[in-house]
Amino acid sequence: MPVETVFTIGVYGSTENDFFSKLVDNRIDLFIDIRRRRAVRGSKYSFVNSKRLQQKLQELSIPYQHIIDLAPSNTIRGLQKQKDKSEGVLKSQRTELSNDFVREYKKDILDLYDLSDIVIKSHYKRIVFFCVEKEPRACHRSIVTEEIGKTFGINISHI
């Protein structure tokens, strides 16, 4: 099994320098973007908008993959949006996903995706899954990486 460690990273709360330093410092050799929409509003985090992000990763010699099949559907995202709204929580301040989101994401997305394509068939050693939320438990990337850890016995590190 080529993959040694799986990382997750969010952008909220990071500066551009901090964000890319984490990738370099952890010797990431594959960056996997699992967002449906690969842009953020405003200028604060514009460095993770798809084109700028890919350009910077190329400069750092870190390959980029977009796996839209691991992005939650708009329906699943709507479940979380309703929960956040009912609790008066902004997406950028969320600390965990709702049970409804997790259940539907596993059933409709994760159960249909063959993670061995990433983990076993990959020639990369240190991969990172990216989405925007600061807290891993507030993001679907934690669901993906927990499954990888459980299924393949790989260490997961949140950076």
Protein backbone atom coordinates (compact mmCIF):
# COMPACT_ATOMS: atom_id res chain seq x y z
CA MET A 1 0.00 0.00 0.00
CA PRO A 2 1.77 3.10 -1.21
CA VAL A 3 -0.03 5.75 0.88
CA GLU A 4 1.65 6.17 4.26
CA THR A 5 -0.26 9.08 5.77
CA VAL A 6 -3.45 10.89 4.89
CA PHE A 7 -3.89 14.50 5.91
CA THR A 8 -6.79 16.91 5.86
CA ILE A 9 -6.62 20.66 5.56
CA GLY A 10 -9.13 23.48 5.61
CA VAL A 11 -8.57 27.12 4.77
CA TYR A 12 -10.75 29.09 7.17
CA GLY A 13 -8.54 30.71 9.79
CA SER A 14 -5.35 30.37 7.70
CA THR A 15 -3.32 32.91 5.85
CA GLU A 16 -2.01 32.09 2.41
CA ASN A 17 1.49 31.63 3.78
CA ASP A 18 0.32 29.38 6.64
CA PHE A 19 -1.77 27.26 4.30
CA PHE A 20 0.99 26.50 1.82
CA SER A 21 3.64 26.16 4.54
CA LYS A 22 1.60 23.34 6.09
CA LEU A 23 1.66 21.49 2.78
CA VAL A 24 5.40 21.91 2.33
CA ASP A 25 6.27 21.20 5.98
CA ASN A 26 4.27 17.95 5.86
CA ARG A 27 5.84 16.94 2.53
CA ILE A 28 2.48 16.55 0.81
CA ASP A 29 2.91 14.85 -2.55
CA LEU A 30 -0.75 14.86 -3.70
CA PHE A 31 -3.41 17.50 -3.05
CA ILE A 32 -6.99 16.25 -3.43
CA ASP A 33 -9.70 18.90 -3.65
CA ILE A 34 -13.11 17.43 -2.76
CA ARG A 35 -15.20 20.59 -3.08
CA ARG A 36 -18.15 20.83 -5.42
CA ARG A 37 -17.60 24.56 -5.91
CA ARG A 38 -13.92 25.36 -6.18
CA ALA A 39 -14.16 29.03 -5.31
CA VAL A 40 -14.71 31.06 -2.17
CA ARG A 41 -16.35 34.45 -1.92
CA GLY A 42 -14.31 37.48 -1.05
CA SER A 43 -10.61 38.19 -1.21
CA LYS A 44 -9.50 36.78 2.16
CA TYR A 45 -9.30 33.18 0.89
CA SER A 46 -9.09 33.80 -2.86
CA PHE A 47 -5.78 31.92 -2.91
CA VAL A 48 -7.77 28.66 -2.77
CA ASN A 49 -9.91 29.52 -5.78
CA SER A 50 -9.23 26.76 -8.27
CA LYS A 51 -6.94 28.49 -10.78
CA ARG A 52 -4.80 30.28 -8.19
CA LEU A 53 -4.61 27.19 -6.02
CA GLN A 54 -3.53 24.96 -8.89
CA GLN A 55 -0.95 27.50 -10.04
CA LYS A 56 0.61 27.72 -6.56
CA LEU A 57 0.59 23.94 -6.12
CA GLN A 58 2.33 23.58 -9.47
CA GLU A 59 5.01 26.04 -8.29
CA LEU A 60 5.45 23.84 -5.20
CA SER A 61 5.56 20.66 -7.35
CA ILE A 62 2.49 19.23 -5.62
CA PRO A 63 0.10 17.47 -8.02
CA TYR A 64 -3.55 18.52 -7.82
CA GLN A 65 -6.62 16.32 -8.25
CA HIS A 66 -10.24 17.36 -8.09
CA ILE A 67 -12.52 14.49 -7.09
CA ILE A 68 -16.01 15.90 -7.46
CA ASP A 69 -17.48 12.43 -6.80
CA LEU A 70 -16.54 12.93 -3.12
CA ALA A 71 -18.25 16.32 -2.90
CA PRO A 72 -21.62 16.37 -1.17
CA SER A 73 -24.62 16.94 -3.39
CA ASN A 74 -26.61 20.14 -3.12
CA THR A 75 -29.34 18.14 -1.36
CA ILE A 76 -26.92 16.87 1.28
CA ARG A 77 -25.41 20.34 1.66
CA GLY A 78 -28.95 21.64 2.15
CA LEU A 79 -29.39 19.37 5.17
CA GLN A 80 -26.38 20.98 6.83
CA LYS A 81 -27.44 24.45 5.81
CA GLN A 82 -30.82 23.92 7.49
CA LYS A 83 -29.14 22.68 10.67
CA ASP A 84 -26.70 25.60 10.71
CA LYS A 85 -29.54 28.07 10.16
CA SER A 86 -31.68 26.58 12.93
CA GLU A 87 -28.72 26.87 15.33
CA GLY A 88 -27.62 30.30 14.10
CA VAL A 89 -24.18 29.02 13.09
CA LEU A 90 -22.16 30.35 10.18
CA LYS A 91 -20.50 27.78 7.93
CA SER A 92 -17.11 29.26 8.78
CA GLN A 93 -17.80 28.78 12.51
CA ARG A 94 -19.32 25.29 12.42
CA THR A 95 -17.53 22.72 14.60
CA GLU A 96 -19.28 19.53 13.50
CA LEU A 97 -21.61 18.10 10.90
CA SER A 98 -25.19 17.14 11.60
CA ASN A 99 -26.13 13.48 11.96
CA ASP A 100 -28.40 13.84 8.91
CA PHE A 101 -25.54 15.14 6.78
CA VAL A 102 -23.19 12.35 7.88
CA ARG A 103 -25.79 9.61 7.30
CA GLU A 104 -26.78 10.86 3.84
CA TYR A 105 -23.19 11.56 2.78
CA LYS A 106 -22.13 8.03 3.67
CA LYS A 107 -25.14 6.48 1.95
CA ASP A 108 -25.24 8.60 -1.22
CA ILE A 109 -21.57 9.47 -1.76
CA LEU A 110 -19.01 7.51 0.22
CA ASP A 111 -20.60 4.07 -0.07
CA LEU A 112 -20.56 4.47 -3.86
CA TYR A 113 -16.91 5.51 -4.17
CA ASP A 114 -13.99 3.09 -4.31
CA LEU A 115 -11.39 4.62 -2.00
CA SER A 116 -8.87 1.95 -2.97
CA ASP A 117 -8.35 3.90 -6.20
CA ILE A 118 -6.79 6.63 -4.07
CA VAL A 119 -5.13 4.57 -1.37
CA ILE A 120 -3.94 1.30 -2.91
CA LYS A 121 -3.53 2.15 -6.59
CA SER A 122 -1.79 5.44 -5.88
CA HIS A 123 1.96 5.96 -6.08
CA TYR A 124 1.77 8.89 -3.65
CA LYS A 125 2.89 8.56 -0.04
CA ARG A 126 1.50 11.66 1.70
CA ILE A 127 -1.84 12.89 0.42
CA VAL A 128 -4.07 15.66 1.70
CA PHE A 129 -7.83 16.06 1.35
CA PHE A 130 -8.94 19.67 1.10
CA CYS A 131 -12.14 21.55 1.72
CA VAL A 132 -12.70 24.94 3.30
CA GLU A 133 -13.89 24.37 6.86
CA LYS A 134 -11.36 24.99 9.63
CA GLU A 135 -12.48 22.13 11.86
CA PRO A 136 -12.16 18.68 10.26
CA ARG A 137 -15.32 17.44 12.07
CA ALA A 138 -17.24 20.29 10.44
CA CYS A 139 -16.41 19.00 6.97
CA HIS A 140 -17.05 15.96 4.80
CA ARG A 141 -13.28 15.46 4.46
CA SER A 142 -13.34 13.98 7.98
CA ILE A 143 -15.90 11.38 6.88
CA VAL A 144 -13.74 10.38 3.92
CA THR A 145 -10.53 10.19 5.91
CA GLU A 146 -12.11 8.33 8.84
CA GLU A 147 -13.24 5.69 6.37
CA ILE A 148 -9.74 5.49 4.88
CA GLY A 149 -8.23 5.13 8.34
CA LYS A 150 -10.70 2.44 9.35
CA THR A 151 -10.62 0.48 6.09
CA PHE A 152 -6.93 0.67 5.27
CA GLY A 153 -5.33 1.23 8.68
CA ILE A 154 -3.69 4.48 7.58
CA ASN A 155 -2.86 7.27 10.00
CA ILE A 156 -4.91 10.43 9.57
CA SER A 157 -3.50 13.81 10.51
CA HIS A 158 -5.34 17.12 10.45
CA ILE A 159 -3.06 20.02 9.58
